[in-house]
Amino acid sequence: MSGTVGDNVFRASGVVAAAAGGGISWQAVITADPATATAGEGYFCNTSAAAFTVSLPAGTIGDEISMIDYAGTFDTYNLTVSANGSEKIQASTDDLTVATERAGFTLVYTDGTQGWLLKDK
């Protein structure tokens, strides 16, 4: 590995340091409504007891939010992702319903026309 310790994401202690340019800050497991996401954060969503909705914040270009199916139950109890006000998800004003077991995804905000887009498909 080249460079100084300060340039690497691993500190001398072995603890992962924040990477330059931002990244996702992972939060504790969420299990129910109401859940409101914050840009730059990732969420382990546990729908093992019931389906619930995560509301997105107002977007600014480049904002990212990640979500992961914590318990492998999105196929039984769906996760719904709701846009803020009149904003869009994938160019639609409809909510995004996630029904795939073990799904993990990141949404990136682009603009008022497309809104929040899936980063990877």
PDB file of N, CA and C in Angstrom:
ATOM      1  N   MET A   1       0.857  -1.160   0.000  1.00  0.00           N
ATOM      2  CA  MET A   1       0.000   0.000   0.000  1.00  0.00           C
ATOM      3  C   MET A   1       0.903   1.221   0.000  1.00  0.00           C
ATOM      4  N   SER A   2       0.595   2.215  -0.812  1.00  0.00           N
ATOM      5  CA  SER A   2       1.417   3.413  -0.861  1.00  0.00           C
ATOM      6  C   SER A   2       0.711   4.579  -0.210  1.00  0.00           C
ATOM      7  N   GLY A   3       1.447   5.662   0.021  1.00  0.00           N
ATOM      8  CA  GLY A   3       0.862   6.854   0.617  1.00  0.00           C
ATOM      9  C   GLY A   3       1.021   6.840   2.122  1.00  0.00           C
ATOM     10  N   THR A   4       0.594   7.909   2.737  1.00  0.00           N
ATOM     11  CA  THR A   4       0.682   8.008   4.190  1.00  0.00           C
ATOM     12  C   THR A   4      -0.557   7.411   4.825  1.00  0.00           C
ATOM     13  N   VAL A   5      -0.465   7.133   6.116  1.00  0.00           N
ATOM     14  CA  VAL A   5      -1.617   6.576   6.838  1.00  0.00           C
ATOM     15  C   VAL A   5      -2.812   7.508   6.705  1.00  0.00           C
ATOM     16  N   GLY A   6      -2.589   8.801   6.716  1.00  0.00           N
ATOM     17  CA  GLY A   6      -3.678   9.760   6.589  1.00  0.00           C
ATOM     18  C   GLY A   6      -4.404   9.672   5.265  1.00  0.00           C
ATOM     19  N   ASP A   7      -3.735   9.138   4.215  1.00  0.00           N
ATOM     20  CA  ASP A   7      -4.360   9.006   2.907  1.00  0.00           C
ATOM     21  C   ASP A   7      -5.197   7.736   2.778  1.00  0.00           C
ATOM     22  N   ASN A   8      -5.026   6.806   3.688  1.00  0.00           N
ATOM     23  CA  ASN A   8      -5.705   5.524   3.610  1.00  0.00           C
ATOM     24  C   ASN A   8      -6.993   5.541   4.419  1.00  0.00           C
ATOM     25  N   VAL A   9      -7.974   4.705   4.026  1.00  0.00           N
ATOM     26  CA  VAL A   9      -9.218   4.645   4.781  1.00  0.00           C
ATOM     27  C   VAL A   9      -9.057   3.864   6.082  1.00  0.00           C
ATOM     28  N   PHE A  10      -7.944   3.106   6.225  1.00  0.00           N
ATOM     29  CA  PHE A  10      -7.691   2.372   7.453  1.00  0.00           C
ATOM     30  C   PHE A  10      -6.699   3.150   8.296  1.00  0.00           C
ATOM     31  N   ARG A  11      -7.050   3.402   9.519  1.00  0.00           N
ATOM     32  CA  ARG A  11      -6.143   4.072  10.444  1.00  0.00           C
ATOM     33  C   ARG A  11      -5.159   3.045  10.986  1.00  0.00           C
ATOM     34  N   ALA A  12      -4.125   3.515  11.627  1.00  0.00           N
ATOM     35  CA  ALA A  12      -3.123   2.621  12.211  1.00  0.00           C
ATOM     36  C   ALA A  12      -3.769   1.611  13.158  1.00  0.00           C
ATOM     37  N   SER A  13      -4.861   1.994  13.815  1.00  0.00           N
ATOM     38  CA  SER A  13      -5.544   1.103  14.755  1.00  0.00           C
ATOM     39  C   SER A  13      -6.352   0.023  14.062  1.00  0.00           C
ATOM     40  N   GLY A  14      -6.521   0.150  12.744  1.00  0.00           N
ATOM     41  CA  GLY A  14      -7.353  -0.791  12.007  1.00  0.00           C
ATOM     42  C   GLY A  14      -8.785  -0.335  11.876  1.00  0.00           C
ATOM     43  N   VAL A  15      -9.160   0.762  12.526  1.00  0.00           N
ATOM     44  CA  VAL A  15     -10.510   1.307  12.442  1.00  0.00           C
ATOM     45  C   VAL A  15     -10.655   2.029  11.107  1.00  0.00           C
ATOM     46  N   VAL A  16     -11.769   1.819  10.435  1.00  0.00           N
ATOM     47  CA  VAL A  16     -11.999   2.478   9.154  1.00  0.00           C
ATOM     48  C   VAL A  16     -12.281   3.951   9.383  1.00  0.00           C
ATOM     49  N   ALA A  17     -11.553   4.788   8.672  1.00  0.00           N
ATOM     50  CA  ALA A  17     -11.745   6.234   8.768  1.00  0.00           C
ATOM     51  C   ALA A  17     -12.679   6.692   7.663  1.00  0.00           C
ATOM     52  N   ALA A  18     -13.239   7.872   7.809  1.00  0.00           N
ATOM     53  CA  ALA A  18     -14.093   8.435   6.769  1.00  0.00           C
ATOM     54  C   ALA A  18     -13.258   8.696   5.530  1.00  0.00           C
ATOM     55  N   ALA A  19     -13.760   8.303   4.382  1.00  0.00           N
ATOM     56  CA  ALA A  19     -13.060   8.528   3.128  1.00  0.00           C
ATOM     57  C   ALA A  19     -13.274   9.959   2.676  1.00  0.00           C
ATOM     58  N   ALA A  20     -12.297  10.495   2.000  1.00  0.00           N
ATOM     59  CA  ALA A  20     -12.424  11.853   1.481  1.00  0.00           C
ATOM     60  C   ALA A  20     -13.579  11.909   0.503  1.00  0.00           C
ATOM     61  N   GLY A  21     -14.294  13.019   0.481  1.00  0.00           N
ATOM     62  CA  GLY A  21     -15.375  13.178  -0.472  1.00  0.00           C
ATOM     63  C   GLY A  21     -16.699  12.641   0.022  1.00  0.00           C
ATOM     64  N   GLY A  22     -16.816  12.364   1.306  1.00  0.00           N
ATOM     65  CA  GLY A  22     -18.099  11.940   1.843  1.00  0.00           C
ATOM     66  C   GLY A  22     -18.235  10.448   1.947  1.00  0.00           C
ATOM     67  N   GLY A  23     -19.410   9.942   1.643  1.00  0.00           N
ATOM     68  CA  GLY A  23     -19.702   8.533   1.802  1.00  0.00           C
ATOM     69  C   GLY A  23     -20.962   8.381   2.624  1.00  0.00           C
ATOM     70  N   ILE A  24     -21.334   7.153   2.873  1.00  0.00           N
ATOM     71  CA  ILE A  24     -22.555   6.859   3.611  1.00  0.00           C
ATOM     72  C   ILE A  24     -22.206   6.609   5.081  1.00  0.00           C
ATOM     73  N   SER A  25     -22.978   7.212   5.971  1.00  0.00           N
ATOM     74  CA  SER A  25     -22.853   6.990   7.404  1.00  0.00           C
ATOM     75  C   SER A  25     -23.995   6.061   7.812  1.00  0.00           C
ATOM     76  N   TRP A  26     -23.664   4.826   8.195  1.00  0.00           N
ATOM     77  CA  TRP A  26     -24.688   3.824   8.490  1.00  0.00           C
ATOM     78  C   TRP A  26     -25.294   4.042   9.865  1.00  0.00           C
ATOM     79  N   GLN A  27     -26.610   3.886   9.928  1.00  0.00           N
ATOM     80  CA  GLN A  27     -27.403   4.119  11.135  1.00  0.00           C
ATOM     81  C   GLN A  27     -27.861   2.810  11.751  1.00  0.00           C
ATOM     82  N   ALA A  28     -28.407   2.888  12.959  1.00  0.00           N
ATOM     83  CA  ALA A  28     -28.959   1.717  13.635  1.00  0.00           C
ATOM     84  C   ALA A  28     -30.142   1.165  12.836  1.00  0.00           C
ATOM     85  N   VAL A  29     -30.501  -0.069  13.111  1.00  0.00           N
ATOM     86  CA  VAL A  29     -31.610  -0.736  12.426  1.00  0.00           C
ATOM     87  C   VAL A  29     -32.915   0.023  12.695  1.00  0.00           C
ATOM     88  N   ILE A  30     -33.695   0.235  11.625  1.00  0.00           N
ATOM     89  CA  ILE A  30     -35.022   0.828  11.780  1.00  0.00           C
ATOM     90  C   ILE A  30     -36.066  -0.252  11.525  1.00  0.00           C
ATOM     91  N   THR A  31     -37.195  -0.153  12.254  1.00  0.00           N
ATOM     92  CA  THR A  31     -38.179  -1.239  12.204  1.00  0.00           C
ATOM     93  C   THR A  31     -39.604  -0.810  11.929  1.00  0.00           C
ATOM     94  N   ALA A  32     -39.899   0.491  11.895  1.00  0.00           N
ATOM     95  CA  ALA A  32     -41.304   0.874  11.747  1.00  0.00           C
ATOM     96  C   ALA A  32     -41.457   2.333  11.350  1.00  0.00           C
ATOM     97  N   ASP A  33     -42.686   2.676  10.928  1.00  0.00           N
ATOM     98  CA  ASP A  33     -43.053   4.067  10.666  1.00  0.00           C
ATOM     99  C   ASP A  33     -43.004   4.836  11.982  1.00  0.00           C
ATOM    100  N   PRO A  34     -42.828   6.102  12.007  1.00  0.00           N
ATOM    101  CA  PRO A  34     -42.345   6.866  10.860  1.00  0.00           C
ATOM    102  C   PRO A  34     -40.822   6.809  10.792  1.00  0.00           C
ATOM    103  N   ALA A  35     -40.305   6.679   9.623  1.00  0.00           N
ATOM    104  CA  ALA A  35     -38.861   6.686   9.411  1.00  0.00           C
ATOM    105  C   ALA A  35     -38.568   7.720   8.328  1.00  0.00           C
ATOM    106  N   THR A  36     -37.761   8.684   8.652  1.00  0.00           N
ATOM    107  CA  THR A  36     -37.389   9.719   7.687  1.00  0.00           C
ATOM    108  C   THR A  36     -35.897   9.643   7.453  1.00  0.00           C
ATOM    109  N   ALA A  37     -35.517   9.478   6.211  1.00  0.00           N
ATOM    110  CA  ALA A  37     -34.113   9.349   5.844  1.00  0.00           C
ATOM    111  C   ALA A  37     -33.431  10.716   5.821  1.00  0.00           C
ATOM    112  N   THR A  38     -32.128  10.696   5.959  1.00  0.00           N
ATOM    113  CA  THR A  38     -31.297  11.885   5.884  1.00  0.00           C
ATOM    114  C   THR A  38     -30.229  11.648   4.832  1.00  0.00           C
ATOM    115  N   ALA A  39     -29.971  12.632   3.997  1.00  0.00           N
ATOM    116  CA  ALA A  39     -28.947  12.500   2.953  1.00  0.00           C
ATOM    117  C   ALA A  39     -27.608  12.131   3.574  1.00  0.00           C
ATOM    118  N   GLY A  40     -26.896  11.222   2.908  1.00  0.00           N
ATOM    119  CA  GLY A  40     -25.593  10.788   3.370  1.00  0.00           C
ATOM    120  C   GLY A  40     -25.640   9.647   4.365  1.00  0.00           C
ATOM    121  N   GLU A  41     -26.851   9.121   4.632  1.00  0.00           N
ATOM    122  CA  GLU A  41     -26.981   8.042   5.598  1.00  0.00           C
ATOM    123  C   GLU A  41     -27.481   6.756   4.947  1.00  0.00           C
ATOM    124  N   GLY A  42     -27.143   5.643   5.581  1.00  0.00           N
ATOM    125  CA  GLY A  42     -27.593   4.334   5.146  1.00  0.00           C
ATOM    126  C   GLY A  42     -28.412   3.700   6.248  1.00  0.00           C
ATOM    127  N   TYR A  43     -29.387   2.889   5.870  1.00  0.00           N
ATOM    128  CA  TYR A  43     -30.328   2.316   6.833  1.00  0.00           C
ATOM    129  C   TYR A  43     -30.480   0.815   6.634  1.00  0.00           C
ATOM    130  N   PHE A  44     -30.398   0.079   7.732  1.00  0.00           N
ATOM    131  CA  PHE A  44     -30.714  -1.339   7.757  1.00  0.00           C
ATOM    132  C   PHE A  44     -32.197  -1.399   8.105  1.00  0.00           C
ATOM    133  N   CYS A  45     -33.024  -1.788   7.152  1.00  0.00           N
ATOM    134  CA  CYS A  45     -34.481  -1.763   7.323  1.00  0.00           C
ATOM    135  C   CYS A  45     -34.985  -3.156   7.662  1.00  0.00           C
ATOM    136  N   ASN A  46     -35.582  -3.292   8.848  1.00  0.00           N
ATOM    137  CA  ASN A  46     -36.052  -4.586   9.332  1.00  0.00           C
ATOM    138  C   ASN A  46     -37.570  -4.638   9.234  1.00  0.00           C
ATOM    139  N   THR A  47     -38.075  -5.329   8.213  1.00  0.00           N
ATOM    140  CA  THR A  47     -39.524  -5.472   8.023  1.00  0.00           C
ATOM    141  C   THR A  47     -40.010  -6.849   8.483  1.00  0.00           C
ATOM    142  N   SER A  48     -39.304  -7.487   9.410  1.00  0.00           N
ATOM    143  CA  SER A  48     -39.698  -8.837   9.831  1.00  0.00           C
ATOM    144  C   SER A  48     -41.028  -8.860  10.583  1.00  0.00           C
ATOM    145  N   ALA A  49     -41.449  -7.744  11.169  1.00  0.00           N
ATOM    146  CA  ALA A  49     -42.724  -7.696  11.891  1.00  0.00           C
ATOM    147  C   ALA A  49     -43.841  -7.079  11.062  1.00  0.00           C
ATOM    148  N   ALA A  50     -43.496  -6.136  10.183  1.00  0.00           N
ATOM    149  CA  ALA A  50     -44.516  -5.451   9.379  1.00  0.00           C
ATOM    150  C   ALA A  50     -43.844  -4.603   8.310  1.00  0.00           C
ATOM    151  N   ALA A  51     -44.603  -4.359   7.254  1.00  0.00           N
ATOM    152  CA  ALA A  51     -44.141  -3.439   6.211  1.00  0.00           C
ATOM    153  C   ALA A  51     -44.131  -2.021   6.782  1.00  0.00           C
ATOM    154  N   PHE A  52     -43.259  -1.175   6.261  1.00  0.00           N
ATOM    155  CA  PHE A  52     -43.279   0.231   6.665  1.00  0.00           C
ATOM    156  C   PHE A  52     -42.716   1.112   5.567  1.00  0.00           C
ATOM    157  N   THR A  53     -42.806   2.422   5.783  1.00  0.00           N
ATOM    158  CA  THR A  53     -42.402   3.418   4.801  1.00  0.00           C
ATOM    159  C   THR A  53     -41.241   4.243   5.323  1.00  0.00           C
ATOM    160  N   VAL A  54     -40.280   4.492   4.444  1.00  0.00           N
ATOM    161  CA  VAL A  54     -39.202   5.430   4.722  1.00  0.00           C
ATOM    162  C   VAL A  54     -39.434   6.630   3.822  1.00  0.00           C
ATOM    163  N   SER A  55     -39.492   7.817   4.414  1.00  0.00           N
ATOM    164  CA  SER A  55     -39.694   9.052   3.659  1.00  0.00           C
ATOM    165  C   SER A  55     -38.347   9.685   3.333  1.00  0.00           C
ATOM    166  N   LEU A  56     -38.188  10.087   2.093  1.00  0.00           N
ATOM    167  CA  LEU A  56     -36.962  10.751   1.669  1.00  0.00           C
ATOM    168  C   LEU A  56     -37.010  12.235   2.021  1.00  0.00           C
ATOM    169  N   PRO A  57     -35.851  12.848   2.244  1.00  0.00           N
ATOM    170  CA  PRO A  57     -35.820  14.284   2.488  1.00  0.00           C
ATOM    171  C   PRO A  57     -35.907  15.041   1.165  1.00  0.00           C
ATOM    172  N   ALA A  58     -36.039  16.359   1.237  1.00  0.00           N
ATOM    173  CA  ALA A  58     -35.925  17.175   0.027  1.00  0.00           C
ATOM    174  C   ALA A  58     -34.514  16.959  -0.513  1.00  0.00           C
ATOM    175  N   GLY A  59     -34.410  16.754  -1.808  1.00  0.00           N
ATOM    176  CA  GLY A  59     -33.119  16.417  -2.391  1.00  0.00           C
ATOM    177  C   GLY A  59     -32.335  17.614  -2.897  1.00  0.00           C
ATOM    178  N   THR A  60     -31.021  17.458  -2.855  1.00  0.00           N
ATOM    179  CA  THR A  60     -30.072  18.385  -3.454  1.00  0.00           C
ATOM    180  C   THR A  60     -29.174  17.547  -4.348  1.00  0.00           C
ATOM    181  N   ILE A  61     -28.831  18.052  -5.519  1.00  0.00           N
ATOM    182  CA  ILE A  61     -28.059  17.269  -6.475  1.00  0.00           C
ATOM    183  C   ILE A  61     -26.869  16.574  -5.822  1.00  0.00           C
ATOM    184  N   GLY A  62     -26.786  15.256  -6.060  1.00  0.00           N
ATOM    185  CA  GLY A  62     -25.703  14.447  -5.533  1.00  0.00           C
ATOM    186  C   GLY A  62     -25.968  13.811  -4.180  1.00  0.00           C
ATOM    187  N   ASP A  63     -27.065  14.173  -3.512  1.00  0.00           N
ATOM    188  CA  ASP A  63     -27.409  13.528  -2.237  1.00  0.00           C
ATOM    189  C   ASP A  63     -27.574  12.028  -2.456  1.00  0.00           C
ATOM    190  N   GLU A  64     -27.116  11.228  -1.505  1.00  0.00           N
ATOM    191  CA  GLU A  64     -27.263   9.777  -1.581  1.00  0.00           C
ATOM    192  C   GLU A  64     -27.864   9.231  -0.296  1.00  0.00           C
ATOM    193  N   ILE A  65     -28.709   8.215  -0.444  1.00  0.00           N
ATOM    194  CA  ILE A  65     -29.300   7.499   0.687  1.00  0.00           C
ATOM    195  C   ILE A  65     -29.298   6.015   0.323  1.00  0.00           C
ATOM    196  N   SER A  66     -28.830   5.176   1.255  1.00  0.00           N
ATOM    197  CA  SER A  66     -28.781   3.734   1.012  1.00  0.00           C
ATOM    198  C   SER A  66     -29.707   3.000   1.970  1.00  0.00           C
ATOM    199  N   MET A  67     -30.237   1.859   1.508  1.00  0.00           N
ATOM    200  CA  MET A  67     -31.100   1.012   2.336  1.00  0.00           C
ATOM    201  C   MET A  67     -30.801  -0.448   2.035  1.00  0.00           C
ATOM    202  N   ILE A  68     -30.862  -1.268   3.076  1.00  0.00           N
ATOM    203  CA  ILE A  68     -30.596  -2.700   2.951  1.00  0.00           C
ATOM    204  C   ILE A  68     -31.676  -3.471   3.711  1.00  0.00           C
ATOM    205  N   ASP A  69     -32.101  -4.594   3.132  1.00  0.00           N
ATOM    206  CA  ASP A  69     -33.057  -5.496   3.775  1.00  0.00           C
ATOM    207  C   ASP A  69     -32.344  -6.253   4.893  1.00  0.00           C
ATOM    208  N   TYR A  70     -32.480  -5.764   6.094  1.00  0.00           N
ATOM    209  CA  TYR A  70     -31.787  -6.299   7.261  1.00  0.00           C
ATOM    210  C   TYR A  70     -32.114  -7.768   7.540  1.00  0.00           C
ATOM    211  N   ALA A  71     -33.381  -8.133   7.478  1.00  0.00           N
ATOM    212  CA  ALA A  71     -33.813  -9.478   7.880  1.00  0.00           C
ATOM    213  C   ALA A  71     -34.191 -10.388   6.710  1.00  0.00           C
ATOM    214  N   GLY A  72     -34.024  -9.906   5.487  1.00  0.00           N
ATOM    215  CA  GLY A  72     -34.392 -10.733   4.336  1.00  0.00           C
ATOM    216  C   GLY A  72     -35.892 -10.916   4.204  1.00  0.00           C
ATOM    217  N   THR A  73     -36.665  -9.861   4.530  1.00  0.00           N
ATOM    218  CA  THR A  73     -38.121 -10.002   4.535  1.00  0.00           C
ATOM    219  C   THR A  73     -38.864  -8.990   3.658  1.00  0.00           C
ATOM    220  N   PHE A  74     -38.149  -8.276   2.798  1.00  0.00           N
ATOM    221  CA  PHE A  74     -38.839  -7.321   1.917  1.00  0.00           C
ATOM    222  C   PHE A  74     -39.847  -8.038   1.014  1.00  0.00           C
ATOM    223  N   ASP A  75     -39.618  -9.324   0.718  1.00  0.00           N
ATOM    224  CA  ASP A  75     -40.558 -10.062  -0.130  1.00  0.00           C
ATOM    225  C   ASP A  75     -41.856 -10.382   0.608  1.00  0.00           C
ATOM    226  N   THR A  76     -41.811 -10.487   1.919  1.00  0.00           N
ATOM    227  CA  THR A  76     -43.001 -10.762   2.735  1.00  0.00           C
ATOM    228  C   THR A  76     -43.655  -9.470   3.202  1.00  0.00           C
ATOM    229  N   TYR A  77     -42.860  -8.596   3.786  1.00  0.00           N
ATOM    230  CA  TYR A  77     -43.318  -7.290   4.258  1.00  0.00           C
ATOM    231  C   TYR A  77     -42.509  -6.229   3.511  1.00  0.00           C
ATOM    232  N   ASN A  78     -43.130  -5.643   2.507  1.00  0.00           N
ATOM    233  CA  ASN A  78     -42.442  -4.707   1.621  1.00  0.00           C
ATOM    234  C   ASN A  78     -41.984  -3.440   2.331  1.00  0.00           C
ATOM    235  N   LEU A  79     -40.911  -2.879   1.792  1.00  0.00           N
ATOM    236  CA  LEU A  79     -40.465  -1.552   2.201  1.00  0.00           C
ATOM    237  C   LEU A  79     -40.979  -0.573   1.158  1.00  0.00           C
ATOM    238  N   THR A  80     -41.586   0.504   1.612  1.00  0.00           N
ATOM    239  CA  THR A  80     -42.039   1.562   0.711  1.00  0.00           C
ATOM    240  C   THR A  80     -41.154   2.772   0.933  1.00  0.00           C
ATOM    241  N   VAL A  81     -40.692   3.362  -0.157  1.00  0.00           N
ATOM    242  CA  VAL A  81     -39.885   4.578  -0.096  1.00  0.00           C
ATOM    243  C   VAL A  81     -40.722   5.690  -0.711  1.00  0.00           C
ATOM    244  N   SER A  82     -40.905   6.749   0.057  1.00  0.00           N
ATOM    245  CA  SER A  82     -41.769   7.848  -0.351  1.00  0.00           C
ATOM    246  C   SER A  82     -40.942   9.113  -0.579  1.00  0.00           C
ATOM    247  N   ALA A  83     -41.207   9.797  -1.695  1.00  0.00           N
ATOM    248  CA  ALA A  83     -40.501  11.045  -1.992  1.00  0.00           C
ATOM    249  C   ALA A  83     -41.054  12.183  -1.144  1.00  0.00           C
ATOM    250  N   ASN A  84     -40.283  13.237  -1.045  1.00  0.00           N
ATOM    251  CA  ASN A  84     -40.665  14.422  -0.288  1.00  0.00           C
ATOM    252  C   ASN A  84     -41.560  15.311  -1.137  1.00  0.00           C
ATOM    253  N   GLY A  85     -42.790  15.549  -0.682  1.00  0.00           N
ATOM    254  CA  GLY A  85     -43.698  16.456  -1.385  1.00  0.00           C
ATOM    255  C   GLY A  85     -43.921  16.053  -2.827  1.00  0.00           C
ATOM    256  N   SER A  86     -43.619  16.950  -3.749  1.00  0.00           N
ATOM    257  CA  SER A  86     -43.846  16.689  -5.174  1.00  0.00           C
ATOM    258  C   SER A  86     -42.598  16.153  -5.874  1.00  0.00           C
ATOM    259  N   GLU A  87     -41.554  15.828  -5.116  1.00  0.00           N
ATOM    260  CA  GLU A  87     -40.353  15.272  -5.740  1.00  0.00           C
ATOM    261  C   GLU A  87     -40.649  13.894  -6.320  1.00  0.00           C
ATOM    262  N   LYS A  88     -39.733  13.407  -7.132  1.00  0.00           N
ATOM    263  CA  LYS A  88     -39.943  12.155  -7.847  1.00  0.00           C
ATOM    264  C   LYS A  88     -38.909  11.110  -7.458  1.00  0.00           C
ATOM    265  N   ILE A  89     -39.273   9.864  -7.736  1.00  0.00           N
ATOM    266  CA  ILE A  89     -38.362   8.727  -7.637  1.00  0.00           C
ATOM    267  C   ILE A  89     -38.404   8.053  -8.999  1.00  0.00           C
ATOM    268  N   GLN A  90     -37.261   7.970  -9.655  1.00  0.00           N
ATOM    269  CA  GLN A  90     -37.187   7.378 -10.997  1.00  0.00           C
ATOM    270  C   GLN A  90     -38.156   8.079 -11.952  1.00  0.00           C
ATOM    271  N   ALA A  91     -38.240   9.401 -11.872  1.00  0.00           N
ATOM    272  CA  ALA A  91     -39.064  10.245 -12.738  1.00  0.00           C
ATOM    273  C   ALA A  91     -40.572  10.078 -12.526  1.00  0.00           C
ATOM    274  N   SER A  92     -40.967   9.415 -11.445  1.00  0.00           N
ATOM    275  CA  SER A  92     -42.379   9.177 -11.159  1.00  0.00           C
ATOM    276  C   SER A  92     -42.742   9.766  -9.793  1.00  0.00           C
ATOM    277  N   THR A  93     -43.981  10.212  -9.671  1.00  0.00           N
ATOM    278  CA  THR A  93     -44.457  10.696  -8.369  1.00  0.00           C
ATOM    279  C   THR A  93     -44.974   9.549  -7.495  1.00  0.00           C
ATOM    280  N   ASP A  94     -44.973   8.326  -8.039  1.00  0.00           N
ATOM    281  CA  ASP A  94     -45.386   7.154  -7.257  1.00  0.00           C
ATOM    282  C   ASP A  94     -44.314   6.777  -6.242  1.00  0.00           C
ATOM    283  N   ASP A  95     -44.744   6.181  -5.136  1.00  0.00           N
ATOM    284  CA  ASP A  95     -43.798   5.648  -4.163  1.00  0.00           C
ATOM    285  C   ASP A  95     -43.040   4.478  -4.787  1.00  0.00           C
ATOM    286  N   LEU A  96     -41.872   4.191  -4.246  1.00  0.00           N
ATOM    287  CA  LEU A  96     -41.082   3.039  -4.667  1.00  0.00           C
ATOM    288  C   LEU A  96     -41.360   1.910  -3.685  1.00  0.00           C
ATOM    289  N   THR A  97     -41.853   0.778  -4.186  1.00  0.00           N
ATOM    290  CA  THR A  97     -42.098  -0.390  -3.341  1.00  0.00           C
ATOM    291  C   THR A  97     -40.997  -1.402  -3.603  1.00  0.00           C
ATOM    292  N   VAL A  98     -40.319  -1.816  -2.529  1.00  0.00           N
ATOM    293  CA  VAL A  98     -39.222  -2.772  -2.646  1.00  0.00           C
ATOM    294  C   VAL A  98     -39.713  -4.103  -2.090  1.00  0.00           C
ATOM    295  N   ALA A  99     -39.799  -5.111  -2.966  1.00  0.00           N
ATOM    296  CA  ALA A  99     -40.355  -6.410  -2.603  1.00  0.00           C
ATOM    297  C   ALA A  99     -39.383  -7.553  -2.901  1.00  0.00           C
ATOM    298  N   THR A 100     -38.090  -7.240  -2.970  1.00  0.00           N
ATOM    299  CA  THR A 100     -37.080  -8.244  -3.274  1.00  0.00           C
ATOM    300  C   THR A 100     -36.303  -8.598  -2.007  1.00  0.00           C
ATOM    301  N   GLU A 101     -36.347  -9.879  -1.648  1.00  0.00           N
ATOM    302  CA  GLU A 101     -35.624 -10.347  -0.469  1.00  0.00           C
ATOM    303  C   GLU A 101     -34.145 -10.007  -0.581  1.00  0.00           C
ATOM    304  N   ARG A 102     -33.588  -9.463   0.484  1.00  0.00           N
ATOM    305  CA  ARG A 102     -32.173  -9.093   0.604  1.00  0.00           C
ATOM    306  C   ARG A 102     -31.755  -7.957  -0.334  1.00  0.00           C
ATOM    307  N   ALA A 103     -32.712  -7.167  -0.775  1.00  0.00           N
ATOM    308  CA  ALA A 103     -32.389  -6.018  -1.629  1.00  0.00           C
ATOM    309  C   ALA A 103     -31.523  -5.023  -0.866  1.00  0.00           C
ATOM    310  N   GLY A 104     -30.623  -4.418  -1.577  1.00  0.00           N
ATOM    311  CA  GLY A 104     -29.814  -3.330  -1.066  1.00  0.00           C
ATOM    312  C   GLY A 104     -29.659  -2.329  -2.191  1.00  0.00           C
ATOM    313  N   PHE A 105     -29.825  -1.051  -1.916  1.00  0.00           N
ATOM    314  CA  PHE A 105     -29.787  -0.070  -2.991  1.00  0.00           C
ATOM    315  C   PHE A 105     -29.415   1.305  -2.470  1.00  0.00           C
ATOM    316  N   THR A 106     -28.960   2.137  -3.394  1.00  0.00           N
ATOM    317  CA  THR A 106     -28.650   3.528  -3.091  1.00  0.00           C
ATOM    318  C   THR A 106     -29.412   4.407  -4.062  1.00  0.00           C
ATOM    319  N   LEU A 107     -30.045   5.437  -3.534  1.00  0.00           N
ATOM    320  CA  LEU A 107     -30.726   6.433  -4.349  1.00  0.00           C
ATOM    321  C   LEU A 107     -29.882   7.702  -4.370  1.00  0.00           C
ATOM    322  N   VAL A 108     -29.767   8.309  -5.548  1.00  0.00           N
ATOM    323  CA  VAL A 108     -29.016   9.557  -5.718  1.00  0.00           C
ATOM    324  C   VAL A 108     -29.961  10.598  -6.280  1.00  0.00           C
ATOM    325  N   TYR A 109     -29.961  11.803  -5.687  1.00  0.00           N
ATOM    326  CA  TYR A 109     -30.842  12.860  -6.182  1.00  0.00           C
ATOM    327  C   TYR A 109     -30.186  13.573  -7.357  1.00  0.00           C
ATOM    328  N   THR A 110     -30.966  13.744  -8.440  1.00  0.00           N
ATOM    329  CA  THR A 110     -30.442  14.405  -9.636  1.00  0.00           C
ATOM    330  C   THR A 110     -31.018  15.800  -9.819  1.00  0.00           C
ATOM    331  N   ASP A 111     -32.333  15.875 -10.010  1.00  0.00           N
ATOM    332  CA  ASP A 111     -32.986  17.172 -10.250  1.00  0.00           C
ATOM    333  C   ASP A 111     -34.496  17.002 -10.146  1.00  0.00           C
ATOM    334  N   GLY A 112     -35.235  18.070 -10.407  1.00  0.00           N
ATOM    335  CA  GLY A 112     -36.682  18.028 -10.305  1.00  0.00           C
ATOM    336  C   GLY A 112     -37.368  17.180 -11.360  1.00  0.00           C
ATOM    337  N   THR A 113     -36.705  16.906 -12.462  1.00  0.00           N
ATOM    338  CA  THR A 113     -37.302  16.103 -13.529  1.00  0.00           C
ATOM    339  C   THR A 113     -37.231  14.613 -13.229  1.00  0.00           C
ATOM    340  N   GLN A 114     -36.062  14.128 -12.838  1.00  0.00           N
ATOM    341  CA  GLN A 114     -35.872  12.699 -12.561  1.00  0.00           C
ATOM    342  C   GLN A 114     -35.970  12.376 -11.073  1.00  0.00           C
ATOM    343  N   GLY A 115     -35.627  13.344 -10.230  1.00  0.00           N
ATOM    344  CA  GLY A 115     -35.683  13.130  -8.783  1.00  0.00           C
ATOM    345  C   GLY A 115     -34.608  12.180  -8.291  1.00  0.00           C
ATOM    346  N   TRP A 116     -35.007  11.227  -7.464  1.00  0.00           N
ATOM    347  CA  TRP A 116     -34.104  10.228  -6.889  1.00  0.00           C
ATOM    348  C   TRP A 116     -33.982   9.057  -7.860  1.00  0.00           C
ATOM    349  N   LEU A 117     -32.754   8.718  -8.237  1.00  0.00           N
ATOM    350  CA  LEU A 117     -32.504   7.617  -9.164  1.00  0.00           C
ATOM    351  C   LEU A 117     -31.707   6.512  -8.465  1.00  0.00           C
ATOM    352  N   LEU A 118     -31.959   5.266  -8.890  1.00  0.00           N
ATOM    353  CA  LEU A 118     -31.174   4.147  -8.376  1.00  0.00           C
ATOM    354  C   LEU A 118     -29.748   4.287  -8.887  1.00  0.00           C
ATOM    355  N   LYS A 119     -28.801   4.203  -7.976  1.00  0.00           N
ATOM    356  CA  LYS A 119     -27.392   4.337  -8.334  1.00  0.00           C
ATOM    357  C   LYS A 119     -26.910   3.117  -9.100  1.00  0.00           C
ATOM    358  N   ASP A 120     -27.286   1.936  -8.660  1.00  0.00           N
ATOM    359  CA  ASP A 120     -26.903   0.674  -9.305  1.00  0.00           C
ATOM    360  C   ASP A 120     -28.158  -0.144  -9.552  1.00  0.00           C
ATOM    361  N   LYS A 121     -28.170  -0.870 -10.643  1.00  0.00           N
ATOM    362  CA  LYS A 121     -29.305  -1.745 -10.942  1.00  0.00           C
ATOM    363  C   LYS A 121     -28.816  -3.139 -11.119  1.00  0.00           C
TER     364      LYS A 121
END
